[in-house]
Amino acid sequence: MTREGTVGRVLYEVNLDVDRVVAGSFRAWLDAHAREILGLDGFLAARVLDVRDPAPSAGRIALCVHYVLRDAAALDDYLRDHAPRMRAEGLARFGGRFSAQRRVMDLATEYEQP
């Protein structure tokens, strides 16, 4: 079944490589961070995923976060008004103990089982 009304939505993906030594505190911070982001206008959903394949390097964990946004304007607002501060908070807390790579995708079609 094709889900109507989803075209125009944006998927903002953040891939995280985290030092296993700080994994517990990083996950706790990430939970609060994702909840804060969901409070911003235009954010509709957030999913935190444990990456199994490819396997992370020894001593590391890999996470992938998917944020679903209403539209590209909502992402632009976040990147301009909130991202610098929020990214700086993570860097101040965990420094070089993690790295992040980001991608932005436009939702073309969404399918669900009937």
Protein backbone atom coordinates (compact mmCIF):
# COMPACT_ATOMS: atom_id res chain seq x y z
CA MET A 1 0.00 0.00 0.00
CA THR A 2 1.34 3.42 -0.91
CA ARG A 3 1.05 5.95 1.86
CA GLU A 4 -0.32 9.28 0.67
CA GLY A 5 0.71 12.67 2.01
CA THR A 6 4.35 11.81 2.64
CA VAL A 7 5.96 13.30 -0.47
CA GLY A 8 7.78 16.47 0.50
CA ARG A 9 8.97 15.03 3.78
CA VAL A 10 12.69 14.92 4.45
CA LEU A 11 14.80 12.23 6.10
CA TYR A 12 17.80 13.60 7.97
CA GLU A 13 20.23 10.78 8.77
CA VAL A 14 23.10 11.00 11.25
CA ASN A 15 25.60 8.13 11.40
CA LEU A 16 27.60 7.99 14.61
CA ASP A 17 30.82 6.14 15.43
CA VAL A 18 31.29 6.15 19.22
CA ASP A 19 34.05 5.02 21.56
CA ARG A 20 32.67 2.02 23.49
CA VAL A 21 34.11 3.48 26.75
CA VAL A 22 31.54 6.31 26.63
CA ALA A 23 28.72 4.34 24.96
CA GLY A 24 26.38 4.36 27.97
CA SER A 25 26.65 8.07 28.67
CA PHE A 26 26.55 8.85 24.94
CA ARG A 27 23.31 6.88 24.51
CA ALA A 28 21.75 8.71 27.47
CA TRP A 29 22.78 12.05 25.98
CA LEU A 30 21.54 11.00 22.52
CA ASP A 31 18.14 10.06 23.95
CA ALA A 32 17.75 13.53 25.50
CA HIS A 33 19.13 15.15 22.33
CA ALA A 34 16.63 13.34 20.07
CA ARG A 35 13.75 14.27 22.38
CA GLU A 36 14.84 17.91 22.31
CA ILE A 37 14.97 17.86 18.51
CA LEU A 38 11.48 16.35 18.36
CA GLY A 39 10.27 19.40 20.25
CA LEU A 40 11.33 21.64 17.37
CA ASP A 41 8.81 22.73 14.77
CA GLY A 42 8.72 20.45 11.74
CA PHE A 43 10.27 17.32 13.29
CA LEU A 44 7.81 14.42 13.09
CA ALA A 45 9.75 11.34 14.23
CA ALA A 46 13.14 10.10 15.38
CA ARG A 47 14.57 6.59 15.34
CA VAL A 48 17.86 5.50 16.89
CA LEU A 49 19.25 2.32 15.33
CA ASP A 50 22.12 0.06 16.36
CA VAL A 51 24.18 -0.66 13.25
CA ARG A 52 25.03 -4.36 12.84
CA ASP A 53 26.44 -4.40 9.31
CA PRO A 54 28.96 -3.20 8.58
CA ALA A 55 30.24 -4.04 12.03
CA PRO A 56 31.90 -1.18 13.91
CA SER A 57 35.63 -1.17 14.50
CA ALA A 58 36.99 -2.82 17.65
CA GLY A 59 36.25 -0.73 20.71
CA ARG A 60 33.52 1.26 18.94
CA ILE A 61 29.75 1.19 18.55
CA ALA A 62 27.87 2.41 15.50
CA LEU A 63 24.51 4.17 15.66
CA CYS A 64 22.28 5.63 12.98
CA VAL A 65 19.64 8.23 13.77
CA HIS A 66 16.78 8.98 11.37
CA TYR A 67 14.82 12.17 11.82
CA VAL A 68 11.70 12.66 9.69
CA LEU A 69 10.82 16.27 8.96
CA ARG A 70 7.73 17.89 7.51
CA ASP A 71 9.68 19.51 4.68
CA ALA A 72 13.01 20.98 3.57
CA ALA A 73 12.18 24.37 5.14
CA ALA A 74 11.96 22.74 8.58
CA LEU A 75 15.42 21.21 8.08
CA ASP A 76 16.80 24.55 6.89
CA ASP A 77 15.42 26.21 10.05
CA TYR A 78 17.03 23.55 12.25
CA LEU A 79 20.40 23.78 10.50
CA ARG A 80 20.42 27.58 10.74
CA ASP A 81 18.88 28.16 14.18
CA HIS A 82 19.63 25.10 16.30
CA ALA A 83 22.25 22.74 14.84
CA PRO A 84 25.36 24.79 15.71
CA ARG A 85 24.45 24.94 19.41
CA MET A 86 23.28 21.33 19.62
CA ARG A 87 26.35 19.98 17.83
CA ALA A 88 28.62 22.06 20.06
CA GLU A 89 26.98 20.54 23.16
CA GLY A 90 27.84 17.02 21.98
CA LEU A 91 31.40 18.00 21.12
CA ALA A 92 31.87 19.72 24.48
CA ARG A 93 30.66 16.66 26.33
CA PHE A 94 32.33 13.89 24.31
CA GLY A 95 35.08 15.65 22.37
CA GLY A 96 36.94 13.31 20.05
CA ARG A 97 35.19 10.20 21.38
CA PHE A 98 32.69 10.15 18.51
CA SER A 99 32.34 11.18 14.92
CA ALA A 100 29.21 11.99 12.91
CA GLN A 101 28.37 11.87 9.24
CA ARG A 102 25.13 13.29 7.93
CA ARG A 103 22.91 12.78 4.89
CA VAL A 104 19.68 14.42 3.75
CA MET A 105 17.15 12.60 1.60
CA ASP A 106 13.76 13.53 0.17
CA LEU A 107 11.03 10.97 0.66
CA ALA A 108 9.81 9.99 -2.81
CA THR A 109 7.37 7.18 -1.98
CA GLU A 110 6.49 5.28 1.16
CA TYR A 111 4.98 1.79 1.16
CA GLU A 112 3.27 -0.10 3.98
CA GLN A 113 1.78 -3.54 4.21
CA PRO A 114 -2.00 -3.50 3.81
